Amino acid sequence: MDMLVMVFVLCIVGLLFWVLALGLVGLEASRLPEFSVVMDGFSDLEDHVARTFNLTVVINNFGGKSEACVGGEAVVLYGGVPLAGCGVQDLCVPPKCSTKFHIVAASGGVGLPGELAERMADEKHAGGAVQVEVRVVSPKHRSFASCMAALARGAAAPPSPCQGVFLSDESDGVRRTADPPGFLF
């Protein structure tokens, strides 16, 4: 009887091991893509000067099951106010791959409101770096990413991870519960 109990326990332990192993493999295989932005450089932030921001967008899709896509526009904001913008090329990264691409967001010569320029100067003097938000909106691919990046001179800025949102069409007042695409980040 003891031998029968031991065989039964070993079978249960073995079954649990395989269920756990398959579950972990499934989780690893279905990781969502990771998006980040690196602030490579920027022009002066004076209120009367056209501003430019050199950015690198990084897409890591090593754990993805489907393509991770972007395409649309990028906007750099401070305090919710757009400072500069640019188009973002359509680009899809296949599963098990990673890529990065460079964009330059420009203001087109529009100056900063005085109050915003003062707030930015105060933040720079207090902490040495100004925090801006970089948004990448991809309507065609139904995605939106928001990343916080520091504007600081000197050492290379670290990548700023993005938070992603799946966009759905609710223009007719009906919320659809379709599964989000695999490129969500």
Protein backbone atom coordinates (compact mmCIF):
# COMPACT_ATOMS: atom_id res chain seq x y z
CA MET A 1 0.00 0.00 0.00
CA ASP A 2 2.88 2.38 0.81
CA MET A 3 4.32 1.80 -2.66
CA LEU A 4 0.97 2.71 -4.28
CA VAL A 5 0.77 5.97 -2.28
CA MET A 6 4.34 6.85 -3.21
CA VAL A 7 3.66 6.26 -6.94
CA PHE A 8 0.49 8.36 -6.70
CA VAL A 9 2.35 11.23 -4.98
CA LEU A 10 5.17 11.10 -7.55
CA CYS A 11 2.63 11.23 -10.39
CA ILE A 12 0.92 14.28 -8.86
CA VAL A 13 4.26 16.04 -8.27
CA GLY A 14 5.35 15.27 -11.85
CA LEU A 15 2.05 16.55 -13.24
CA LEU A 16 2.32 19.77 -11.23
CA PHE A 17 5.89 20.24 -12.43
CA TRP A 18 4.85 19.99 -16.10
CA VAL A 19 1.86 22.31 -15.63
CA LEU A 20 4.11 24.89 -13.96
CA ALA A 21 6.84 24.51 -16.62
CA LEU A 22 4.37 24.90 -19.49
CA GLY A 23 2.79 27.90 -17.78
CA LEU A 24 6.15 29.66 -17.40
CA VAL A 25 7.08 28.96 -21.02
CA GLY A 26 3.71 30.34 -22.12
CA LEU A 27 4.18 33.49 -20.06
CA GLU A 28 7.65 34.09 -21.44
CA ALA A 29 6.51 33.53 -25.02
CA SER A 30 3.68 36.06 -24.73
CA ARG A 31 5.55 39.04 -23.26
CA LEU A 32 4.39 42.34 -24.66
CA PRO A 33 6.84 44.54 -26.59
CA GLU A 34 8.74 47.18 -24.63
CA PHE A 35 8.95 50.70 -26.00
CA SER A 36 11.31 53.39 -24.74
CA VAL A 37 12.62 56.80 -25.77
CA VAL A 38 16.13 58.20 -25.43
CA MET A 39 16.61 61.98 -25.45
CA ASP A 40 19.77 62.27 -27.58
CA GLY A 41 19.89 66.05 -27.54
CA PHE A 42 17.88 69.25 -27.72
CA SER A 43 18.28 72.88 -28.72
CA ASP A 44 18.03 75.82 -26.34
CA LEU A 45 14.72 76.16 -24.56
CA GLU A 46 14.55 79.96 -24.72
CA ASP A 47 11.06 81.32 -25.26
CA HIS A 48 11.95 83.09 -28.54
CA VAL A 49 13.98 80.31 -30.21
CA ALA A 50 12.69 77.47 -32.36
CA ARG A 51 13.21 74.22 -30.43
CA THR A 52 14.32 70.81 -31.68
CA PHE A 53 14.53 67.50 -29.83
CA ASN A 54 16.62 64.60 -31.15
CA LEU A 55 15.00 61.36 -29.99
CA THR A 56 15.66 57.66 -30.42
CA VAL A 57 12.64 55.37 -30.19
CA VAL A 58 13.52 51.80 -29.15
CA ILE A 59 11.20 48.83 -29.71
CA ASN A 60 12.14 45.55 -28.00
CA ASN A 61 9.90 42.75 -29.27
CA PHE A 62 12.04 39.78 -28.17
CA GLY A 63 9.19 38.20 -26.20
CA GLY A 64 6.35 39.11 -28.56
CA LYS A 65 4.15 36.71 -30.50
CA SER A 66 3.18 39.21 -33.19
CA GLU A 67 4.55 42.35 -34.83
CA ALA A 68 4.98 45.54 -32.81
CA CYS A 69 4.05 48.53 -34.97
CA VAL A 70 4.23 52.32 -34.82
CA GLY A 71 3.50 55.09 -37.27
CA GLY A 72 1.83 58.46 -36.94
CA GLU A 73 3.26 61.35 -34.97
CA ALA A 74 5.37 62.21 -31.94
CA VAL A 75 4.87 65.22 -29.69
CA VAL A 76 7.15 66.59 -26.97
CA LEU A 77 5.19 68.32 -24.18
CA TYR A 78 6.00 70.26 -21.04
CA GLY A 79 3.24 70.75 -18.49
CA GLY A 80 0.75 69.43 -21.05
CA VAL A 81 1.75 72.11 -23.58
CA PRO A 82 3.18 70.89 -26.91
CA LEU A 83 6.75 72.12 -27.46
CA ALA A 84 7.56 70.30 -30.72
CA GLY A 85 6.31 67.54 -32.98
CA CYS A 86 7.13 65.40 -36.00
CA GLY A 87 5.89 62.52 -38.10
CA VAL A 88 6.79 58.92 -37.20
CA GLN A 89 7.40 56.50 -40.07
CA ASP A 90 5.35 53.31 -40.31
CA LEU A 91 7.52 50.56 -38.89
CA CYS A 92 6.74 47.02 -37.72
CA VAL A 93 9.16 44.92 -35.68
CA PRO A 94 8.72 41.14 -36.04
CA PRO A 95 8.65 38.85 -32.99
CA LYS A 96 12.05 37.99 -31.47
CA CYS A 97 13.57 41.24 -32.82
CA SER A 98 14.46 44.72 -31.65
CA THR A 99 15.03 48.00 -33.46
CA LYS A 100 15.55 51.67 -32.89
CA PHE A 101 14.99 54.70 -35.07
CA HIS A 102 15.75 58.40 -34.80
CA ILE A 103 13.29 61.27 -35.06
CA VAL A 104 13.67 65.03 -34.75
CA ALA A 105 10.73 66.91 -33.25
CA ALA A 106 10.72 70.64 -34.08
CA SER A 107 8.64 73.59 -32.87
CA GLY A 108 8.43 75.44 -36.15
CA GLY A 109 9.52 78.68 -34.44
CA VAL A 110 6.58 79.04 -32.06
CA GLY A 111 7.74 80.63 -28.79
CA LEU A 112 7.04 79.47 -25.24
CA PRO A 113 4.45 81.32 -23.16
CA GLY A 114 6.25 83.41 -20.50
CA GLU A 115 4.74 81.56 -17.53
CA LEU A 116 5.77 78.20 -18.97
CA ALA A 117 9.31 79.43 -19.66
CA GLU A 118 9.60 80.63 -16.04
CA ARG A 119 8.33 77.31 -14.70
CA MET A 120 10.82 75.43 -16.88
CA ALA A 121 13.69 77.67 -15.73
CA ASP A 122 12.72 77.14 -12.06
CA GLU A 123 12.66 73.35 -12.54
CA LYS A 124 16.04 73.45 -14.27
CA HIS A 125 17.63 75.50 -11.46
CA ALA A 126 16.07 73.32 -8.74
CA GLY A 127 17.03 69.92 -10.12
CA GLY A 128 19.31 70.48 -13.08
CA ALA A 129 16.99 68.64 -15.49
CA VAL A 130 13.61 69.45 -16.96
CA GLN A 131 11.12 66.58 -17.32
CA VAL A 132 9.19 66.49 -20.60
CA GLU A 133 6.65 64.01 -21.89
CA VAL A 134 7.11 62.34 -25.27
CA ARG A 135 3.93 60.95 -26.83
CA VAL A 136 3.93 58.65 -29.83
CA VAL A 137 0.46 58.36 -31.34
CA SER A 138 -0.13 55.64 -33.95
CA PRO A 139 -3.81 55.79 -35.01
CA LYS A 140 -3.34 53.31 -37.87
CA HIS A 141 -1.96 50.76 -35.39
CA ARG A 142 -4.44 51.78 -32.65
CA SER A 143 -1.76 52.61 -30.08
CA PHE A 144 -0.59 55.49 -27.92
CA ALA A 145 2.64 55.63 -25.88
CA SER A 146 3.68 58.13 -23.24
CA CYS A 147 7.26 58.41 -21.97
CA MET A 148 8.85 60.85 -19.50
CA ALA A 149 12.32 62.06 -20.48
CA ALA A 150 14.81 64.36 -18.76
CA LEU A 151 16.38 67.29 -20.58
CA ALA A 152 19.86 67.48 -19.11
CA ARG A 153 23.17 68.47 -20.63
CA GLY A 154 26.24 66.29 -20.22
CA ALA A 155 26.07 62.52 -19.73
CA ALA A 156 24.01 60.41 -22.09
CA ALA A 157 20.41 60.08 -20.97
CA PRO A 158 19.16 56.62 -20.04
CA PRO A 159 16.20 55.14 -21.96
CA SER A 160 12.83 56.27 -20.63
CA PRO A 161 10.30 53.40 -20.60
CA CYS A 162 6.90 54.11 -22.12
CA GLN A 163 3.42 53.34 -20.89
CA GLY A 164 1.13 52.17 -23.67
CA VAL A 165 -2.58 52.32 -24.29
CA PHE A 166 -4.72 50.44 -26.81
CA LEU A 167 -7.02 52.79 -28.73
CA SER A 168 -10.53 51.65 -29.59
CA ASP A 169 -13.17 53.28 -31.77
CA GLU A 170 -16.10 54.35 -29.60
CA SER A 171 -17.29 57.07 -31.97
CA ASP A 172 -20.73 55.48 -32.23
CA GLY A 173 -21.05 55.22 -28.42
CA VAL A 174 -20.53 51.45 -28.39
CA ARG A 175 -17.56 50.06 -26.51
CA ARG A 176 -16.23 46.95 -28.20
CA THR A 177 -14.47 44.27 -26.19
CA ALA A 178 -12.21 42.97 -28.93
CA ASP A 179 -8.86 41.65 -27.80
CA PRO A 180 -6.10 44.24 -28.04
CA PRO A 181 -3.47 43.62 -30.71
CA GLY A 182 -0.18 41.99 -29.82
CA PHE A 183 1.81 45.21 -30.25
CA LEU A 184 0.51 46.79 -27.05
CA PHE A 185 3.27 48.04 -24.79
